[in-house]
């Protein structure tokens, strides 16, 4: 039985979960010990193990959390879902309240989406959401990775014109409201 250790101290959410999931996917079976330096990361790792139907336990000593995950042979594999959901992103930050937090949440969301083994069909960007696919966006890498994985990324042409960003588009293509409506009606839509 293999025994591996993964040091995720200092990593921002959702990186400890993403790195742990990658490591578990590479292990046919064995024990994975993950080191994290905050309670939320520890809780998220326990939830990950539970979602993969793996046994996990955690302990804490002097602010260091050790999460031990047992992966038995053939366990921890999840089915890949794909093809029936589209995202409509209506702003360049998530939520209302604090702009800085909204920006961090947006970055975290797209990073997690790009690293997930669950696939969506397309991402449609409208209103200030089009800024996410343009020069200077903190999520360009994540959007690019989604495209590489076969997810279509579209920015509303009217919105790009309104913000004078059509020349700054770096990821995805330009679309129109008719095409967006067609996609939203055809697929399950998640609006953020």
N, C-alpha and C. Protein backbone atom coordinates (compact mmCIF):
# COMPACT_ATOMS: atom_id res chain seq x y z
N UNK A 1 0.86 -1.18 0.00
CA UNK A 1 0.00 0.00 0.00
C UNK A 1 0.90 1.24 0.00
N UNK A 2 0.67 2.13 -0.96
CA UNK A 2 1.50 3.33 -1.04
C UNK A 2 1.08 4.35 0.01
N UNK A 3 2.05 5.12 0.46
CA UNK A 3 1.80 6.21 1.40
C UNK A 3 2.42 7.47 0.81
N UNK A 4 1.58 8.48 0.65
CA UNK A 4 2.03 9.73 0.04
C UNK A 4 1.69 10.88 0.96
N UNK A 5 2.46 11.97 0.86
CA UNK A 5 2.18 13.19 1.61
C UNK A 5 2.10 14.35 0.64
N UNK A 6 1.12 15.21 0.88
CA UNK A 6 0.91 16.38 0.04
C UNK A 6 0.87 17.61 0.95
N UNK A 7 1.77 18.55 0.72
CA UNK A 7 1.84 19.76 1.54
C UNK A 7 1.07 20.88 0.85
N UNK A 8 -0.08 21.23 1.41
CA UNK A 8 -0.92 22.29 0.84
C UNK A 8 -0.97 23.51 1.76
N UNK A 9 -0.01 23.62 2.65
CA UNK A 9 0.02 24.80 3.52
C UNK A 9 0.27 26.05 2.69
N UNK A 10 -0.46 27.09 3.02
CA UNK A 10 -0.29 28.37 2.34
C UNK A 10 -1.07 28.51 1.04
N UNK A 11 -1.77 27.45 0.62
CA UNK A 11 -2.54 27.53 -0.62
C UNK A 11 -3.93 28.09 -0.34
N UNK A 12 -4.39 28.96 -1.23
CA UNK A 12 -5.72 29.57 -1.09
C UNK A 12 -6.78 28.61 -1.59
N UNK A 13 -7.96 28.74 -1.04
CA UNK A 13 -9.12 27.97 -1.47
C UNK A 13 -9.37 28.26 -2.95
N UNK A 14 -9.63 27.28 -3.78
CA UNK A 14 -9.85 25.86 -3.55
C UNK A 14 -8.63 24.99 -3.85
N UNK A 15 -7.43 25.56 -3.87
CA UNK A 15 -6.25 24.82 -4.30
C UNK A 15 -5.97 23.55 -3.49
N UNK A 16 -6.13 23.55 -2.14
CA UNK A 16 -5.89 22.29 -1.43
C UNK A 16 -6.81 21.15 -1.92
N UNK A 17 -8.06 21.45 -2.18
CA UNK A 17 -9.00 20.44 -2.67
C UNK A 17 -8.60 19.99 -4.07
N UNK A 18 -8.29 20.92 -4.93
CA UNK A 18 -7.92 20.58 -6.31
C UNK A 18 -6.66 19.72 -6.34
N UNK A 19 -5.65 20.12 -5.58
CA UNK A 19 -4.40 19.36 -5.58
C UNK A 19 -4.58 17.98 -4.96
N UNK A 20 -5.41 17.90 -3.92
CA UNK A 20 -5.69 16.60 -3.29
C UNK A 20 -6.43 15.70 -4.25
N UNK A 21 -7.40 16.23 -4.95
CA UNK A 21 -8.18 15.42 -5.89
C UNK A 21 -7.28 14.91 -7.01
N UNK A 22 -6.37 15.75 -7.51
CA UNK A 22 -5.43 15.33 -8.55
C UNK A 22 -4.54 14.19 -8.04
N UNK A 23 -4.02 14.36 -6.83
CA UNK A 23 -3.13 13.35 -6.25
C UNK A 23 -3.87 12.03 -6.06
N UNK A 24 -5.10 12.09 -5.56
CA UNK A 24 -5.89 10.87 -5.37
C UNK A 24 -6.18 10.19 -6.70
N UNK A 25 -6.42 10.97 -7.74
CA UNK A 25 -6.70 10.39 -9.06
C UNK A 25 -5.49 9.63 -9.60
N UNK A 26 -4.29 10.05 -9.23
CA UNK A 26 -3.07 9.39 -9.70
C UNK A 26 -2.73 8.14 -8.89
N UNK A 27 -3.32 8.04 -7.69
CA UNK A 27 -3.05 6.89 -6.82
C UNK A 27 -4.05 5.77 -7.08
N UNK A 28 -3.57 4.58 -7.43
CA UNK A 28 -4.53 3.49 -7.58
C UNK A 28 -5.17 3.13 -6.24
N UNK A 29 -4.38 3.14 -5.18
CA UNK A 29 -4.87 2.94 -3.81
C UNK A 29 -3.74 3.31 -2.87
N UNK A 30 -4.08 3.50 -1.61
CA UNK A 30 -3.06 3.84 -0.62
C UNK A 30 -3.57 4.86 0.37
N UNK A 31 -2.62 5.46 1.09
CA UNK A 31 -2.93 6.46 2.11
C UNK A 31 -2.29 7.78 1.68
N UNK A 32 -3.12 8.80 1.66
CA UNK A 32 -2.63 10.14 1.33
C UNK A 32 -2.78 11.02 2.57
N UNK A 33 -1.67 11.61 3.00
CA UNK A 33 -1.68 12.55 4.11
C UNK A 33 -1.52 13.94 3.55
N UNK A 34 -2.47 14.82 3.87
CA UNK A 34 -2.46 16.18 3.35
C UNK A 34 -2.28 17.15 4.51
N UNK A 35 -1.34 18.06 4.37
CA UNK A 35 -1.08 19.08 5.38
C UNK A 35 -1.68 20.40 4.94
N UNK A 36 -2.50 21.00 5.81
CA UNK A 36 -3.08 22.32 5.55
C UNK A 36 -2.95 23.16 6.81
N UNK A 37 -3.06 24.47 6.62
CA UNK A 37 -2.83 25.36 7.76
C UNK A 37 -4.05 26.17 8.17
N UNK A 38 -5.25 25.68 7.80
CA UNK A 38 -6.45 26.37 8.27
C UNK A 38 -7.63 25.40 8.34
N UNK A 39 -8.55 25.73 9.22
CA UNK A 39 -9.70 24.89 9.52
C UNK A 39 -10.58 24.68 8.29
N UNK A 40 -10.83 25.73 7.52
CA UNK A 40 -11.71 25.62 6.36
C UNK A 40 -11.13 24.63 5.34
N UNK A 41 -9.84 24.69 5.09
CA UNK A 41 -9.21 23.75 4.16
C UNK A 41 -9.37 22.32 4.68
N UNK A 42 -9.18 22.13 5.98
CA UNK A 42 -9.35 20.80 6.57
C UNK A 42 -10.77 20.29 6.35
N UNK A 43 -11.76 21.13 6.61
CA UNK A 43 -13.16 20.75 6.42
C UNK A 43 -13.46 20.45 4.96
N UNK A 44 -12.91 21.25 4.06
CA UNK A 44 -13.14 21.02 2.62
C UNK A 44 -12.53 19.69 2.17
N UNK A 45 -11.40 19.31 2.74
CA UNK A 45 -10.78 18.03 2.38
C UNK A 45 -11.60 16.85 2.89
N UNK A 46 -12.17 17.00 4.08
CA UNK A 46 -13.05 15.95 4.62
C UNK A 46 -14.28 15.80 3.71
N UNK A 47 -14.84 16.92 3.26
CA UNK A 47 -16.00 16.88 2.37
C UNK A 47 -15.63 16.25 1.03
N UNK A 48 -14.43 16.55 0.52
CA UNK A 48 -13.98 15.94 -0.73
C UNK A 48 -13.92 14.43 -0.58
N UNK A 49 -13.28 13.97 0.49
CA UNK A 49 -13.17 12.52 0.72
C UNK A 49 -14.56 11.89 0.79
N UNK A 50 -15.46 12.53 1.49
CA UNK A 50 -16.82 12.02 1.60
C UNK A 50 -17.49 11.94 0.23
N UNK A 51 -17.31 12.98 -0.60
CA UNK A 51 -17.93 12.98 -1.94
C UNK A 51 -17.36 11.88 -2.83
N UNK A 52 -16.13 11.45 -2.55
CA UNK A 52 -15.49 10.38 -3.32
C UNK A 52 -15.67 9.02 -2.66
N UNK A 53 -16.42 9.01 -1.56
CA UNK A 53 -16.70 7.77 -0.80
C UNK A 53 -15.41 7.15 -0.26
N UNK A 54 -14.52 8.03 0.24
CA UNK A 54 -13.27 7.58 0.83
C UNK A 54 -13.28 7.86 2.32
N UNK A 55 -12.56 7.05 3.07
CA UNK A 55 -12.42 7.28 4.51
C UNK A 55 -11.39 8.37 4.74
N UNK A 56 -11.70 9.25 5.71
CA UNK A 56 -10.76 10.33 6.02
C UNK A 56 -10.85 10.65 7.51
N UNK A 57 -9.74 11.08 8.04
CA UNK A 57 -9.72 11.57 9.42
C UNK A 57 -8.76 12.74 9.48
N UNK A 58 -8.97 13.59 10.47
CA UNK A 58 -8.14 14.78 10.58
C UNK A 58 -7.72 14.99 12.03
N UNK A 59 -6.57 15.58 12.20
CA UNK A 59 -6.12 16.00 13.53
C UNK A 59 -5.44 17.35 13.39
N UNK A 60 -5.33 18.06 14.52
CA UNK A 60 -4.75 19.40 14.50
C UNK A 60 -3.73 19.50 15.62
N UNK A 61 -2.60 20.10 15.32
CA UNK A 61 -1.59 20.34 16.34
C UNK A 61 -0.88 21.65 16.02
N UNK A 62 -1.00 22.60 16.92
CA UNK A 62 -0.35 23.91 16.79
C UNK A 62 -0.69 24.61 15.47
N UNK A 63 -1.95 24.55 15.07
CA UNK A 63 -2.40 25.24 13.86
C UNK A 63 -2.13 24.50 12.57
N UNK A 64 -1.54 23.31 12.65
CA UNK A 64 -1.31 22.49 11.47
C UNK A 64 -2.33 21.37 11.48
N UNK A 65 -3.07 21.26 10.39
CA UNK A 65 -4.08 20.20 10.25
C UNK A 65 -3.51 19.12 9.35
N UNK A 66 -3.66 17.89 9.78
CA UNK A 66 -3.24 16.74 9.01
C UNK A 66 -4.49 15.95 8.67
N UNK A 67 -4.75 15.81 7.39
CA UNK A 67 -5.91 15.04 6.92
C UNK A 67 -5.36 13.79 6.25
N UNK A 68 -5.81 12.65 6.74
CA UNK A 68 -5.37 11.37 6.19
C UNK A 68 -6.54 10.74 5.46
N UNK A 69 -6.31 10.41 4.19
CA UNK A 69 -7.35 9.84 3.34
C UNK A 69 -6.91 8.44 2.93
N UNK A 70 -7.81 7.47 3.13
CA UNK A 70 -7.55 6.10 2.73
C UNK A 70 -8.29 5.82 1.44
N UNK A 71 -7.54 5.44 0.42
CA UNK A 71 -8.14 5.09 -0.86
C UNK A 71 -7.89 3.61 -1.10
N UNK A 72 -8.97 2.85 -1.09
CA UNK A 72 -8.87 1.43 -1.37
C UNK A 72 -8.87 1.21 -2.87
N UNK A 73 -8.36 0.08 -3.29
CA UNK A 73 -8.26 -0.22 -4.72
C UNK A 73 -9.62 -0.08 -5.40
N UNK A 74 -9.68 0.72 -6.49
CA UNK A 74 -10.91 0.92 -7.25
C UNK A 74 -11.84 1.98 -6.67
N UNK A 75 -11.53 2.54 -5.52
CA UNK A 75 -12.38 3.55 -4.90
C UNK A 75 -11.99 4.94 -5.35
N UNK A 76 -12.91 5.87 -5.16
CA UNK A 76 -12.62 7.27 -5.40
C UNK A 76 -12.76 7.74 -6.81
N UNK A 77 -13.22 6.88 -7.70
CA UNK A 77 -13.42 7.31 -9.08
C UNK A 77 -14.82 7.86 -9.21
N UNK A 78 -14.93 9.01 -9.85
CA UNK A 78 -16.24 9.62 -10.04
C UNK A 78 -16.58 9.62 -11.52
N UNK A 79 -17.86 9.52 -11.81
CA UNK A 79 -18.29 9.59 -13.19
C UNK A 79 -18.22 11.02 -13.66
N UNK A 80 -17.80 11.20 -14.88
CA UNK A 80 -17.73 12.53 -15.46
C UNK A 80 -19.08 12.91 -16.04
N UNK A 81 -19.65 13.99 -15.55
CA UNK A 81 -20.90 14.50 -16.10
C UNK A 81 -20.55 15.57 -17.11
N UNK A 82 -21.31 15.62 -18.19
CA UNK A 82 -21.00 16.64 -19.16
C UNK A 82 -22.19 16.93 -20.05
N UNK A 83 -22.08 18.04 -20.75
CA UNK A 83 -22.92 18.29 -21.87
C UNK A 83 -24.28 18.87 -21.69
N UNK A 84 -24.75 19.11 -20.49
CA UNK A 84 -26.12 19.59 -20.40
C UNK A 84 -26.30 20.88 -19.62
N UNK A 85 -25.23 21.56 -19.31
CA UNK A 85 -25.34 22.81 -18.56
C UNK A 85 -24.54 23.92 -19.23
N UNK A 86 -25.09 25.12 -19.17
CA UNK A 86 -24.36 26.31 -19.59
C UNK A 86 -24.38 27.31 -18.45
N UNK A 87 -23.36 28.14 -18.40
CA UNK A 87 -23.29 29.20 -17.40
C UNK A 87 -23.54 30.54 -18.08
N UNK A 88 -24.36 31.36 -17.46
CA UNK A 88 -24.54 32.74 -17.89
C UNK A 88 -23.94 33.61 -16.80
N UNK A 89 -22.84 34.25 -17.12
CA UNK A 89 -22.12 35.10 -16.16
C UNK A 89 -22.49 36.55 -16.45
N UNK A 90 -23.13 37.21 -15.50
CA UNK A 90 -23.70 38.54 -15.73
C UNK A 90 -22.86 39.69 -15.18
N UNK A 91 -21.75 39.37 -14.53
CA UNK A 91 -20.91 40.43 -13.96
C UNK A 91 -19.47 39.93 -13.85
N UNK A 92 -18.55 40.85 -13.67
CA UNK A 92 -17.15 40.46 -13.55
C UNK A 92 -16.74 40.15 -12.12
N UNK A 93 -17.66 40.28 -11.16
CA UNK A 93 -17.42 39.86 -9.78
C UNK A 93 -18.63 39.08 -9.30
N UNK A 94 -18.41 38.21 -8.31
CA UNK A 94 -19.49 37.41 -7.74
C UNK A 94 -20.06 38.10 -6.51
N UNK A 95 -21.37 38.13 -6.44
CA UNK A 95 -22.05 38.63 -5.26
C UNK A 95 -22.07 40.13 -5.18
N UNK A 96 -22.74 40.58 -4.16
CA UNK A 96 -22.84 42.01 -3.91
C UNK A 96 -22.21 42.32 -2.56
N UNK A 97 -21.69 43.49 -2.44
CA UNK A 97 -21.09 43.89 -1.17
C UNK A 97 -19.70 44.43 -1.39
N UNK A 98 -18.73 43.57 -1.28
CA UNK A 98 -17.34 43.99 -1.37
C UNK A 98 -16.76 43.60 -2.73
N UNK A 99 -16.30 44.58 -3.50
CA UNK A 99 -15.76 44.33 -4.85
C UNK A 99 -14.51 43.45 -4.81
N UNK A 100 -13.64 43.69 -3.84
CA UNK A 100 -12.40 42.90 -3.74
C UNK A 100 -12.73 41.44 -3.48
N UNK A 101 -13.65 41.19 -2.55
CA UNK A 101 -14.06 39.81 -2.27
C UNK A 101 -14.74 39.21 -3.50
N UNK A 102 -15.60 39.98 -4.17
CA UNK A 102 -16.27 39.49 -5.37
C UNK A 102 -15.29 39.07 -6.45
N UNK A 103 -14.21 39.83 -6.58
CA UNK A 103 -13.17 39.49 -7.55
C UNK A 103 -12.45 38.21 -7.16
N UNK A 104 -12.12 38.06 -5.89
CA UNK A 104 -11.47 36.84 -5.41
C UNK A 104 -12.37 35.62 -5.60
N UNK A 105 -13.66 35.78 -5.33
CA UNK A 105 -14.60 34.69 -5.52
C UNK A 105 -14.70 34.28 -7.00
N UNK A 106 -14.67 35.26 -7.88
CA UNK A 106 -14.72 34.97 -9.31
C UNK A 106 -13.49 34.17 -9.74
N UNK A 107 -12.32 34.60 -9.27
CA UNK A 107 -11.09 33.87 -9.60
C UNK A 107 -11.14 32.45 -9.06
N UNK A 108 -11.58 32.30 -7.83
CA UNK A 108 -11.67 30.98 -7.21
C UNK A 108 -12.66 30.09 -7.95
N UNK A 109 -13.80 30.65 -8.34
CA UNK A 109 -14.82 29.89 -9.06
C UNK A 109 -14.29 29.36 -10.39
N UNK A 110 -13.70 30.23 -11.19
CA UNK A 110 -13.24 29.79 -12.51
C UNK A 110 -12.05 28.84 -12.41
N UNK A 111 -11.20 29.03 -11.41
CA UNK A 111 -10.10 28.08 -11.19
C UNK A 111 -10.68 26.70 -10.87
N UNK A 112 -11.64 26.65 -9.94
CA UNK A 112 -12.24 25.38 -9.55
C UNK A 112 -12.98 24.75 -10.71
N UNK A 113 -13.68 25.54 -11.49
CA UNK A 113 -14.41 25.03 -12.66
C UNK A 113 -13.45 24.42 -13.67
N UNK A 114 -12.34 25.08 -13.92
CA UNK A 114 -11.37 24.58 -14.89
C UNK A 114 -10.67 23.31 -14.39
N UNK A 115 -10.54 23.15 -13.08
CA UNK A 115 -9.87 21.99 -12.51
C UNK A 115 -10.82 20.83 -12.24
N UNK A 116 -12.11 21.09 -12.28
CA UNK A 116 -13.11 20.06 -11.98
C UNK A 116 -13.17 19.03 -13.10
N UNK A 117 -13.56 17.80 -12.74
CA UNK A 117 -13.76 16.80 -13.77
C UNK A 117 -15.19 16.81 -14.29
N UNK A 118 -16.02 17.69 -13.77
CA UNK A 118 -17.38 17.89 -14.26
C UNK A 118 -17.32 18.94 -15.36
N UNK A 119 -17.96 18.68 -16.47
CA UNK A 119 -17.89 19.59 -17.61
C UNK A 119 -19.24 20.23 -17.89
N UNK A 120 -19.17 21.45 -18.34
CA UNK A 120 -20.33 22.18 -18.82
C UNK A 120 -20.17 22.32 -20.34
N UNK A 121 -21.23 22.75 -20.99
CA UNK A 121 -21.18 22.92 -22.44
C UNK A 121 -20.56 24.25 -22.84
N UNK A 122 -20.99 25.32 -22.16
CA UNK A 122 -20.53 26.65 -22.57
C UNK A 122 -20.63 27.64 -21.42
N UNK A 123 -19.86 28.71 -21.55
CA UNK A 123 -19.92 29.87 -20.66
C UNK A 123 -20.29 31.06 -21.53
N UNK A 124 -21.37 31.74 -21.16
CA UNK A 124 -21.81 32.95 -21.85
C UNK A 124 -21.57 34.14 -20.92
N UNK A 125 -20.88 35.13 -21.42
CA UNK A 125 -20.53 36.33 -20.64
C UNK A 125 -21.33 37.51 -21.15
N UNK A 126 -22.08 38.16 -20.27
CA UNK A 126 -22.87 39.33 -20.63
C UNK A 126 -22.59 40.46 -19.65
N UNK A 127 -23.05 41.66 -20.02
CA UNK A 127 -22.84 42.86 -19.23
C UNK A 127 -21.35 42.94 -18.85
N UNK A 128 -21.02 43.29 -17.61
CA UNK A 128 -19.59 43.42 -17.27
C UNK A 128 -18.89 42.08 -17.20
N UNK A 129 -19.64 40.98 -17.29
CA UNK A 129 -19.01 39.66 -17.35
C UNK A 129 -18.08 39.50 -18.53
N UNK A 130 -18.30 40.27 -19.61
CA UNK A 130 -17.42 40.18 -20.79
C UNK A 130 -15.99 40.58 -20.44
N UNK A 131 -15.82 41.38 -19.41
CA UNK A 131 -14.48 41.82 -19.01
C UNK A 131 -13.60 40.64 -18.60
N UNK A 132 -14.23 39.54 -18.19
CA UNK A 132 -13.49 38.36 -17.75
C UNK A 132 -12.70 37.71 -18.88
N UNK A 133 -13.12 37.91 -20.11
CA UNK A 133 -12.45 37.30 -21.26
C UNK A 133 -11.53 38.28 -21.98
N UNK A 134 -11.29 39.43 -21.38
CA UNK A 134 -10.51 40.49 -22.04
C UNK A 134 -9.18 40.72 -21.34
N UNK A 135 -8.31 41.48 -22.01
CA UNK A 135 -7.01 41.85 -21.47
C UNK A 135 -7.12 42.25 -20.00
N UNK A 136 -6.19 41.77 -19.19
CA UNK A 136 -6.11 42.17 -17.80
C UNK A 136 -6.97 41.35 -16.85
N UNK A 137 -7.76 40.45 -17.37
CA UNK A 137 -8.62 39.63 -16.51
C UNK A 137 -7.79 38.61 -15.74
N UNK A 138 -8.12 38.44 -14.48
CA UNK A 138 -7.42 37.48 -13.64
C UNK A 138 -7.87 36.04 -13.91
N UNK A 139 -8.89 35.84 -14.75
CA UNK A 139 -9.39 34.49 -15.02
C UNK A 139 -9.11 34.03 -16.44
N UNK A 140 -8.28 34.75 -17.18
CA UNK A 140 -7.98 34.36 -18.56
C UNK A 140 -7.40 32.94 -18.65
N UNK A 141 -6.50 32.59 -17.75
CA UNK A 141 -5.91 31.25 -17.79
C UNK A 141 -6.96 30.18 -17.58
N UNK A 142 -7.84 30.41 -16.62
CA UNK A 142 -8.90 29.43 -16.33
C UNK A 142 -9.87 29.31 -17.50
N UNK A 143 -10.25 30.44 -18.09
CA UNK A 143 -11.13 30.39 -19.26
C UNK A 143 -10.45 29.69 -20.43
N UNK A 144 -9.16 29.96 -20.60
CA UNK A 144 -8.40 29.29 -21.66
C UNK A 144 -8.34 27.78 -21.44
N UNK A 145 -8.15 27.38 -20.21
CA UNK A 145 -8.11 25.95 -19.91
C UNK A 145 -9.46 25.31 -20.19
N UNK A 146 -10.55 26.01 -19.83
CA UNK A 146 -11.88 25.49 -20.13
C UNK A 146 -12.05 25.27 -21.64
N UNK A 147 -11.59 26.24 -22.42
CA UNK A 147 -11.67 26.09 -23.88
C UNK A 147 -10.88 24.87 -24.36
N UNK A 148 -9.69 24.69 -23.81
CA UNK A 148 -8.87 23.53 -24.18
C UNK A 148 -9.57 22.23 -23.84
N UNK A 149 -10.41 22.25 -22.81
CA UNK A 149 -11.15 21.06 -22.39
C UNK A 149 -12.45 20.87 -23.16
N UNK A 150 -12.71 21.76 -24.13
CA UNK A 150 -13.88 21.62 -24.97
C UNK A 150 -15.09 22.45 -24.57
N UNK A 151 -14.94 23.32 -23.60
CA UNK A 151 -16.03 24.20 -23.18
C UNK A 151 -16.00 25.45 -24.07
N UNK A 152 -17.13 25.79 -24.67
CA UNK A 152 -17.20 27.00 -25.49
C UNK A 152 -17.35 28.22 -24.59
N UNK A 153 -16.64 29.28 -24.92
CA UNK A 153 -16.71 30.54 -24.18
C UNK A 153 -17.16 31.62 -25.15
N UNK A 154 -18.22 32.33 -24.79
CA UNK A 154 -18.77 33.36 -25.67
C UNK A 154 -18.99 34.65 -24.91
N UNK A 155 -18.64 35.77 -25.52
CA UNK A 155 -18.88 37.10 -24.96
C UNK A 155 -19.91 37.80 -25.83
N UNK A 156 -20.84 38.47 -25.19
CA UNK A 156 -21.88 39.22 -25.88
C UNK A 156 -21.26 40.38 -26.68
N UNK A 157 -21.52 40.41 -27.98
CA UNK A 157 -20.96 41.46 -28.83
C UNK A 157 -21.46 42.84 -28.46
N UNK A 158 -22.75 42.97 -28.15
CA UNK A 158 -23.31 44.26 -27.75
C UNK A 158 -22.62 44.76 -26.48
N UNK A 159 -22.36 43.86 -25.55
CA UNK A 159 -21.70 44.23 -24.29
C UNK A 159 -20.25 44.65 -24.53
N UNK A 160 -19.55 43.89 -25.39
CA UNK A 160 -18.17 44.26 -25.73
C UNK A 160 -18.14 45.65 -26.36
N UNK A 161 -19.09 45.93 -27.26
CA UNK A 161 -19.17 47.26 -27.88
C UNK A 161 -19.45 48.33 -26.84
N UNK A 162 -20.38 48.05 -25.94
CA UNK A 162 -20.75 49.03 -24.92
C UNK A 162 -19.53 49.43 -24.07
N UNK A 163 -18.75 48.43 -23.67
CA UNK A 163 -17.56 48.70 -22.84
C UNK A 163 -16.32 49.01 -23.69
N UNK A 164 -16.48 49.07 -25.00
CA UNK A 164 -15.39 49.33 -25.94
C UNK A 164 -14.24 48.34 -25.74
N UNK A 165 -14.60 47.05 -25.69
CA UNK A 165 -13.61 46.00 -25.42
C UNK A 165 -13.46 44.97 -26.54
N UNK A 166 -14.12 45.18 -27.65
CA UNK A 166 -14.10 44.15 -28.70
C UNK A 166 -12.67 43.81 -29.14
N UNK A 167 -11.81 44.80 -29.20
CA UNK A 167 -10.42 44.56 -29.60
C UNK A 167 -9.60 43.91 -28.49
N UNK A 168 -10.13 43.89 -27.27
CA UNK A 168 -9.40 43.36 -26.12
C UNK A 168 -9.79 41.92 -25.78
N UNK A 169 -10.71 41.33 -26.53
CA UNK A 169 -11.15 39.97 -26.26
C UNK A 169 -9.99 39.00 -26.48
N UNK A 170 -9.68 38.17 -25.48
CA UNK A 170 -8.54 37.27 -25.57
C UNK A 170 -8.93 35.79 -25.50
N UNK A 171 -10.10 35.50 -24.96
CA UNK A 171 -10.55 34.11 -24.86
C UNK A 171 -11.98 34.04 -25.37
N UNK A 172 -12.25 33.02 -26.18
CA UNK A 172 -13.61 32.80 -26.64
C UNK A 172 -13.95 33.58 -27.89
N UNK A 173 -15.24 33.50 -28.22
CA UNK A 173 -15.73 34.17 -29.40
C UNK A 173 -16.82 35.16 -29.05
N UNK A 174 -17.27 35.86 -30.06
CA UNK A 174 -18.32 36.87 -29.89
C UNK A 174 -19.65 36.23 -30.28
N UNK A 175 -20.67 36.51 -29.50
CA UNK A 175 -22.00 35.98 -29.80
C UNK A 175 -23.03 37.09 -29.67
N UNK A 176 -24.30 36.71 -29.86
CA UNK A 176 -25.38 37.69 -29.78
C UNK A 176 -26.47 37.17 -28.86
N UNK A 177 -27.42 38.03 -28.52
CA UNK A 177 -28.45 37.66 -27.56
C UNK A 177 -29.34 36.54 -28.07
N UNK A 178 -29.59 36.49 -29.35
CA UNK A 178 -30.41 35.41 -29.89
C UNK A 178 -29.75 34.05 -29.62
N UNK A 179 -28.47 33.95 -29.89
CA UNK A 179 -27.75 32.70 -29.65
C UNK A 179 -27.71 32.36 -28.16
N UNK A 180 -27.58 33.37 -27.31
CA UNK A 180 -27.59 33.14 -25.86
C UNK A 180 -28.94 32.59 -25.43
N UNK A 181 -30.02 33.20 -25.91
CA UNK A 181 -31.36 32.73 -25.57
C UNK A 181 -31.55 31.29 -26.03
N UNK A 182 -31.12 30.98 -27.23
CA UNK A 182 -31.24 29.62 -27.75
C UNK A 182 -30.52 28.62 -26.84
N UNK A 183 -29.33 28.96 -26.41
CA UNK A 183 -28.56 28.06 -25.53
C UNK A 183 -29.23 27.91 -24.17
N UNK A 184 -29.72 29.02 -23.62
CA UNK A 184 -30.35 28.98 -22.31
C UNK A 184 -31.62 28.13 -22.32
N UNK A 185 -32.32 28.15 -23.43
CA UNK A 185 -33.56 27.36 -23.56
C UNK A 185 -33.22 25.89 -23.82
N UNK A 186 -32.19 25.64 -24.60
CA UNK A 186 -31.81 24.28 -24.97
C UNK A 186 -31.20 23.49 -23.81
N UNK A 187 -30.31 24.12 -23.06
CA UNK A 187 -29.57 23.45 -22.00
C UNK A 187 -30.06 23.93 -20.64
N UNK A 188 -29.63 23.23 -19.59
CA UNK A 188 -29.87 23.71 -18.24
C UNK A 188 -28.96 24.90 -18.02
N UNK A 189 -29.53 26.01 -17.59
CA UNK A 189 -28.74 27.23 -17.41
C UNK A 189 -28.53 27.53 -15.93
N UNK A 190 -27.31 27.89 -15.61
CA UNK A 190 -26.98 28.38 -14.28
C UNK A 190 -26.59 29.84 -14.47
N UNK A 191 -27.29 30.72 -13.79
CA UNK A 191 -27.07 32.16 -13.96
C UNK A 191 -26.37 32.70 -12.72
N UNK A 192 -25.22 33.31 -12.95
CA UNK A 192 -24.42 33.90 -11.85
C UNK A 192 -24.20 35.37 -12.10
